[in-house]
Amino acid sequence: MTDMAKVTTTRKIKKEILTNVTGFLDACCQKAFLSGVFFSIGSLTIRGRDMVVSLSTENEQLLKVVQSIMQTRYGEYCEYAPVYNNKVKNKTVFEMVVHCTDAMYDAHVLVNDGGMTLADSIHPSVAEKDCCSRSFVKGLFVGCGTASFPPENSNSGYHLEFFVSRPAVADSLVEFLGTKGFHFKQSTRGDGVVVYVKDSGTVADLLSYMDAPQSLFELENLLVNKSIRNTVNRQQNCYIANLGKAVAASVKQVKAIEYIEREKGLDYLPDNLAAVARARLADTSASLEELSEQFEGLTKSGIAHRLRKIEQIAKKLGKED
């Protein structure tokens, strides 16, 4: 799978989530959503004499949602602008500065433990209400999540991940997701930690959890088509295997009949066997069912039984296998 396919899938999911949350989050869910965003892309910096949280992302739609929540909930208008010296080539990165520390404490992203620092664990309040847990995961995914679905004709797997900068946050996230029935793994990548899952069922469940029905439909459609394709392939492979066995059996039968004809003549056989032998020689590619149709009252298994008798007679006459 190309990187472009992965990015396209991720962008679709994030756009759907952000479109669905815009203007539709309750007060408690606004706080949980901000918490997910701050945990995913927030960093603590000093601007002049102030300690602020800066948010850096390529997703301008996400910053507009944060901007709206900050203004309606906390009365702070947060501006954002492109970062012209960003380290990501060929992509525009935007930065937003949040001066309202009350919002950070309210979202349980900042802690004051002998000095203001970023929290290393997800606050228990996020898990108290299902709507807030969902909003937190939405904020987290639109901030640092990626997902990829394989093309229908590909054998590559499904993948969904969160990339966080601190191991303690990754540990807390794995534990939090586990309490919601999502079992993720984690691994180190560069200067951060990836919390990921590759099971298509879990990816589908998480898309449903994040209220992304269009993306879920796309994934389920891929799963159905892939299942159908695999079933057809199995049937074709089975048919080819059975056809090969039938051809090999027919060749063996013809050789036995030809041997008897050469050594003794087909009249040597009992009339019921001789009739089947002549029918087989007349059409070496006919199936047992097709041969049985030439004889009234004789089934496919009956034809097979008589052909085995013919092979046994040929063997008694000295035919080698």
Protein backbone atom coordinates (compact mmCIF):
# COMPACT_ATOMS: atom_id res chain seq x y z
CA MET A 1 0.00 0.00 0.00
CA THR A 2 1.28 3.45 -0.88
CA ASP A 3 1.68 6.23 1.63
CA MET A 4 -0.85 8.27 -0.37
CA ALA A 5 -3.51 5.58 0.11
CA LYS A 6 -2.83 5.60 3.84
CA VAL A 7 -3.03 9.39 4.10
CA THR A 8 -6.24 9.50 2.07
CA THR A 9 -7.95 7.00 4.38
CA THR A 10 -6.79 8.89 7.45
CA ARG A 11 -7.93 12.24 6.10
CA LYS A 12 -11.37 10.85 5.24
CA ILE A 13 -11.84 9.54 8.77
CA LYS A 14 -10.62 12.74 10.42
CA LYS A 15 -12.77 14.93 8.19
CA GLU A 16 -15.84 12.82 9.01
CA ILE A 17 -15.16 12.94 12.76
CA LEU A 18 -14.55 16.70 12.78
CA THR A 19 -17.63 17.37 10.66
CA ASN A 20 -19.77 15.31 13.01
CA VAL A 21 -18.48 16.97 16.21
CA THR A 22 -18.64 20.58 15.00
CA GLY A 23 -21.38 22.27 16.99
CA PHE A 24 -22.70 18.99 18.40
CA LEU A 25 -20.60 18.39 21.53
CA ASP A 26 -22.12 18.82 24.98
CA ALA A 27 -20.14 20.84 27.53
CA CYS A 28 -18.63 17.75 29.17
CA CYS A 29 -17.73 16.29 25.79
CA GLN A 30 -16.09 19.53 24.68
CA LYS A 31 -13.70 19.22 27.60
CA ALA A 32 -13.01 15.53 26.83
CA PHE A 33 -12.44 16.30 23.15
CA LEU A 34 -9.96 19.06 24.02
CA SER A 35 -8.23 16.66 26.39
CA GLY A 36 -7.71 14.18 23.54
CA VAL A 37 -6.40 16.92 21.25
CA PHE A 38 -4.03 18.36 23.87
CA PHE A 39 -2.70 14.90 24.75
CA SER A 40 -2.06 14.13 21.09
CA ILE A 41 -0.50 17.30 19.68
CA GLY A 42 0.01 19.61 22.65
CA SER A 43 3.38 20.78 23.93
CA LEU A 44 4.26 23.05 26.82
CA THR A 45 6.32 26.11 25.85
CA ILE A 46 7.30 29.50 27.26
CA ARG A 47 6.23 32.56 25.27
CA GLY A 48 7.63 35.69 26.84
CA ARG A 49 6.68 35.46 30.51
CA ASP A 50 3.79 33.10 29.92
CA MET A 51 3.64 29.33 30.00
CA VAL A 52 1.42 28.25 27.10
CA VAL A 53 0.35 25.10 25.30
CA SER A 54 1.01 25.07 21.58
CA LEU A 55 -0.79 22.82 19.13
CA SER A 56 0.94 21.89 15.87
CA THR A 57 -0.85 20.03 13.09
CA GLU A 58 -1.39 19.87 9.33
CA ASN A 59 -5.14 19.66 9.96
CA GLU A 60 -6.53 23.19 9.77
CA GLN A 61 -10.09 21.91 10.26
CA LEU A 62 -9.07 20.52 13.66
CA LEU A 63 -7.72 23.90 14.81
CA LYS A 64 -10.95 25.59 13.72
CA VAL A 65 -12.92 23.17 15.92
CA VAL A 66 -10.56 23.82 18.85
CA GLN A 67 -10.80 27.54 18.20
CA SER A 68 -14.60 27.40 18.36
CA ILE A 69 -14.66 25.36 21.58
CA MET A 70 -12.10 27.58 23.29
CA GLN A 71 -14.07 30.69 22.42
CA THR A 72 -17.52 29.39 23.42
CA ARG A 73 -16.38 27.47 26.53
CA TYR A 74 -13.52 29.60 27.90
CA GLY A 75 -13.92 32.94 26.18
CA GLU A 76 -10.46 32.83 24.58
CA TYR A 77 -9.98 33.44 20.89
CA CYS A 78 -7.00 31.31 19.86
CA GLU A 79 -5.30 32.35 16.67
CA TYR A 80 -3.31 29.98 14.52
CA ALA A 81 -0.93 30.48 11.60
CA PRO A 82 1.28 28.46 9.24
CA VAL A 83 4.73 27.51 10.47
CA TYR A 84 7.01 28.45 7.59
CA ASN A 85 10.11 26.76 8.98
CA ASN A 86 8.38 23.45 9.74
CA LYS A 87 10.32 20.21 9.35
CA VAL A 88 7.64 18.47 7.25
CA LYS A 89 8.47 18.91 3.59
CA ASN A 90 5.76 19.73 1.04
CA LYS A 91 3.13 20.07 3.78
CA THR A 92 1.72 23.10 5.56
CA VAL A 93 1.88 22.85 9.33
CA PHE A 94 -0.27 25.19 11.45
CA GLU A 95 0.40 26.22 15.03
CA MET A 96 -2.10 27.43 17.62
CA VAL A 97 -1.10 28.91 20.97
CA VAL A 98 -3.45 28.45 23.93
CA HIS A 99 -2.80 30.92 26.76
CA CYS A 100 -5.76 29.84 28.89
CA THR A 101 -4.20 27.57 31.50
CA ASP A 102 -7.62 27.16 33.13
CA ALA A 103 -8.70 25.27 30.03
CA MET A 104 -5.67 23.00 30.32
CA TYR A 105 -6.33 22.23 33.97
CA ASP A 106 -10.02 21.76 33.24
CA ALA A 107 -9.12 19.22 30.54
CA HIS A 108 -6.70 17.54 32.99
CA VAL A 109 -3.79 18.00 30.59
CA LEU A 110 -1.73 20.18 32.94
CA VAL A 111 -0.76 19.28 36.50
CA ASN A 112 0.80 21.50 39.11
CA ASP A 113 3.24 19.30 40.95
CA GLY A 114 5.90 21.72 42.15
CA GLY A 115 5.64 23.41 38.79
CA MET A 116 3.34 23.30 35.77
CA THR A 117 3.88 20.17 33.65
CA LEU A 118 1.99 18.11 31.13
CA ALA A 119 0.07 15.17 32.58
CA ASP A 120 1.46 11.71 31.83
CA SER A 121 -1.80 9.82 32.25
CA ILE A 122 -5.40 10.08 31.14
CA HIS A 123 -7.57 11.46 33.92
CA PRO A 124 -10.20 9.03 35.33
CA SER A 125 -12.96 11.60 34.72
CA VAL A 126 -12.63 10.97 30.97
CA ALA A 127 -13.91 7.44 31.48
CA GLU A 128 -16.84 8.32 33.75
CA LYS A 129 -19.32 8.92 30.92
CA ASP A 130 -19.44 7.01 27.64
CA CYS A 131 -20.05 10.18 25.62
CA CYS A 132 -16.92 11.77 27.10
CA SER A 133 -14.80 8.67 26.47
CA ARG A 134 -15.91 8.71 22.85
CA SER A 135 -15.15 12.43 22.54
CA PHE A 136 -11.70 11.94 24.06
CA VAL A 137 -10.84 9.19 21.55
CA LYS A 138 -12.15 11.37 18.72
CA GLY A 139 -9.90 14.24 19.80
CA LEU A 140 -6.96 11.90 20.16
CA PHE A 141 -7.43 10.33 16.73
CA VAL A 142 -7.87 13.58 14.81
CA GLY A 143 -4.72 14.80 16.54
CA CYS A 144 -2.31 11.87 16.24
CA GLY A 145 -4.18 8.96 14.65
CA THR A 146 -3.67 7.28 11.30
CA ALA A 147 -5.49 4.40 9.63
CA SER A 148 -5.14 2.35 6.48
CA PHE A 149 -7.40 -0.11 4.68
CA PRO A 150 -5.93 -2.47 2.06
CA PRO A 151 -7.17 -2.37 -1.55
CA GLU A 152 -9.62 -5.16 -2.43
CA ASN A 153 -6.99 -7.00 -4.47
CA SER A 154 -4.32 -6.73 -1.77
CA ASN A 155 -3.32 -9.21 0.92
CA SER A 156 -1.92 -6.49 3.19
CA GLY A 157 -3.57 -5.90 6.53
CA TYR A 158 -5.71 -3.31 8.25
CA HIS A 159 -4.04 -0.81 10.57
CA LEU A 160 -5.03 1.92 13.00
CA GLU A 161 -2.63 3.72 15.32
CA PHE A 162 -2.04 6.63 17.67
CA PHE A 163 1.43 8.20 17.77
CA VAL A 164 2.32 9.85 21.09
CA SER A 165 5.58 11.42 22.18
CA ARG A 166 5.78 10.06 25.73
CA PRO A 167 5.92 6.38 26.84
CA ALA A 168 3.89 7.11 29.98
CA VAL A 169 1.05 8.51 27.86
CA ALA A 170 1.21 5.42 25.63
CA ASP A 171 0.92 3.14 28.67
CA SER A 172 -2.03 5.12 29.96
CA LEU A 173 -3.70 5.07 26.53
CA VAL A 174 -3.34 1.29 26.16
CA GLU A 175 -4.87 0.83 29.60
CA PHE A 176 -7.70 3.27 28.86
CA LEU A 177 -8.55 1.66 25.51
CA GLY A 178 -8.47 -1.75 27.19
CA THR A 179 -11.19 -0.68 29.62
CA LYS A 180 -13.35 0.13 26.59
CA GLY A 181 -12.79 -3.28 25.02
CA PHE A 182 -10.10 -2.23 22.52
CA HIS A 183 -6.90 -4.21 22.92
CA PHE A 184 -3.97 -2.27 21.44
CA LYS A 185 -0.25 -2.98 21.34
CA GLN A 186 2.58 -0.48 21.43
CA SER A 187 6.06 -0.13 19.98
CA THR A 188 8.75 2.55 19.80
CA ARG A 189 9.09 4.52 16.58
CA GLY A 190 11.67 7.28 16.26
CA ASP A 191 11.23 9.73 19.13
CA GLY A 192 7.77 8.50 20.12
CA VAL A 193 5.56 5.50 20.80
CA VAL A 194 2.98 3.92 18.48
CA VAL A 195 -0.17 2.50 20.03
CA TYR A 196 -1.64 0.30 17.31
CA VAL A 197 -4.01 -2.47 16.28
CA LYS A 198 -4.05 -4.54 13.08
CA ASP A 199 -7.26 -6.51 13.61
CA SER A 200 -9.98 -5.47 11.14
CA GLY A 201 -12.72 -6.17 13.68
CA THR A 202 -11.15 -3.86 16.25
CA VAL A 203 -10.60 -1.16 13.62
CA ALA A 204 -14.28 -1.41 12.65
CA ASP A 205 -15.40 -1.27 16.29
CA LEU A 206 -13.26 1.81 16.92
CA LEU A 207 -14.65 3.60 13.85
CA SER A 208 -18.12 2.92 15.21
CA TYR A 209 -17.00 4.15 18.65
CA MET A 210 -15.76 7.40 17.10
CA ASP A 211 -19.07 7.87 15.22
CA ALA A 212 -17.55 7.61 11.75
CA PRO A 213 -20.30 5.65 9.90
CA GLN A 214 -19.14 6.45 6.36
CA SER A 215 -15.62 5.20 7.07
CA LEU A 216 -17.07 2.17 8.84
CA PHE A 217 -19.24 1.41 5.79
CA GLU A 218 -16.19 1.66 3.53
CA LEU A 219 -14.27 -0.77 5.74
CA GLU A 220 -17.17 -3.23 6.02
CA ASN A 221 -17.65 -3.09 2.25
CA LEU A 222 -13.98 -3.99 1.78
CA LEU A 223 -14.30 -6.86 4.27
CA VAL A 224 -17.39 -8.23 2.52
CA ASN A 225 -15.83 -8.00 -0.95
CA LYS A 226 -12.63 -9.60 0.29
CA SER A 227 -14.61 -12.40 1.92
CA ILE A 228 -16.54 -13.02 -1.31
CA ARG A 229 -13.33 -12.99 -3.35
CA ASN A 230 -11.68 -15.47 -0.96
CA THR A 231 -14.72 -17.76 -1.14
CA VAL A 232 -14.68 -17.67 -4.95
CA ASN A 233 -10.94 -18.38 -4.97
CA ARG A 234 -11.41 -21.35 -2.64
CA GLN A 235 -14.19 -22.69 -4.85
CA GLN A 236 -12.08 -22.24 -7.97
CA ASN A 237 -9.09 -23.94 -6.33
CA CYS A 238 -11.32 -26.79 -5.21
CA TYR A 239 -12.78 -27.11 -8.70
CA ILE A 240 -9.33 -27.14 -10.28
CA ALA A 241 -8.11 -29.73 -7.78
CA ASN A 242 -11.14 -31.95 -8.38
CA LEU A 243 -10.76 -31.53 -12.13
CA GLY A 244 -7.14 -32.62 -11.90
CA LYS A 245 -8.13 -35.70 -9.93
CA ALA A 246 -10.86 -36.51 -12.45
CA VAL A 247 -8.44 -36.21 -15.40
CA ALA A 248 -5.86 -38.41 -13.66
CA ALA A 249 -8.54 -41.03 -12.91
CA SER A 250 -9.78 -40.94 -16.50
CA VAL A 251 -6.26 -41.47 -17.87
CA LYS A 252 -5.76 -44.42 -15.54
CA GLN A 253 -9.10 -45.95 -16.59
CA VAL A 254 -8.37 -45.54 -20.31
CA LYS A 255 -4.95 -47.16 -19.96
CA ALA A 256 -6.51 -50.14 -18.15
CA ILE A 257 -9.19 -50.54 -20.82
CA GLU A 258 -6.64 -50.25 -23.66
CA TYR A 259 -4.44 -52.85 -21.95
CA ILE A 260 -7.35 -55.33 -21.72
CA GLU A 261 -8.33 -54.61 -25.32
CA ARG A 262 -4.77 -55.23 -26.49
CA GLU A 263 -4.23 -58.39 -24.44
CA LYS A 264 -7.65 -60.07 -24.53
CA GLY A 265 -10.11 -57.87 -26.34
CA LEU A 266 -13.02 -56.11 -24.70
CA ASP A 267 -15.25 -59.15 -25.21
CA TYR A 268 -13.16 -60.72 -22.45
CA LEU A 269 -15.04 -58.47 -20.01
CA PRO A 270 -18.52 -59.22 -18.71
CA ASP A 271 -21.15 -57.42 -20.80
CA ASN A 272 -21.90 -54.80 -18.10
CA LEU A 273 -18.22 -53.91 -17.77
CA ALA A 274 -17.55 -54.03 -21.51
CA ALA A 275 -20.35 -51.51 -22.14
CA VAL A 276 -18.85 -49.08 -19.66
CA ALA A 277 -15.35 -49.65 -21.09
CA ARG A 278 -16.52 -48.81 -24.61
CA ALA A 279 -18.32 -45.71 -23.36
CA ARG A 280 -15.16 -44.51 -21.61
CA LEU A 281 -13.03 -45.07 -24.73
CA ALA A 282 -15.60 -43.22 -26.82
CA ASP A 283 -15.34 -40.14 -24.58
CA THR A 284 -12.18 -40.06 -22.46
CA SER A 285 -12.99 -36.61 -21.01
CA ALA A 286 -16.55 -37.38 -19.90
CA SER A 287 -17.28 -37.13 -16.20
CA LEU A 288 -18.73 -40.06 -14.28
CA GLU A 289 -22.08 -38.31 -14.22
CA GLU A 290 -22.01 -37.85 -18.00
CA LEU A 291 -21.17 -41.53 -18.46
CA SER A 292 -23.99 -42.58 -16.13
CA GLU A 293 -26.49 -40.69 -18.30
CA GLN A 294 -25.77 -43.16 -21.11
CA PHE A 295 -27.01 -46.09 -19.03
CA GLU A 296 -30.56 -46.29 -17.75
CA GLY A 297 -30.72 -46.93 -14.03
CA LEU A 298 -26.94 -46.66 -13.53
CA THR A 299 -25.71 -43.98 -11.12
CA LYS A 300 -22.42 -42.12 -11.00
CA SER A 301 -21.22 -44.33 -8.15
CA GLY A 302 -22.22 -47.38 -10.20
CA ILE A 303 -20.06 -46.21 -13.10
CA ALA A 304 -17.16 -45.63 -10.71
CA HIS A 305 -17.57 -49.12 -9.25
CA ARG A 306 -17.49 -50.77 -12.71
CA LEU A 307 -14.44 -48.78 -13.77
CA ARG A 308 -12.62 -49.90 -10.59
CA LYS A 309 -13.53 -53.51 -11.49
CA ILE A 310 -12.03 -52.98 -14.96
CA GLU A 311 -8.80 -51.63 -13.42
CA GLN A 312 -8.62 -54.65 -11.10
CA ILE A 313 -9.03 -57.02 -14.08
CA ALA A 314 -6.26 -55.23 -15.98
CA LYS A 315 -4.00 -55.57 -12.95
CA LYS A 316 -4.71 -59.33 -12.71
CA LEU A 317 -3.80 -59.67 -16.38
CA GLY A 318 -0.39 -58.21 -15.59
CA LYS A 319 -0.78 -54.47 -16.17
CA GLU A 320 1.69 -52.50 -14.09
CA ASP A 321 0.64 -49.25 -12.35
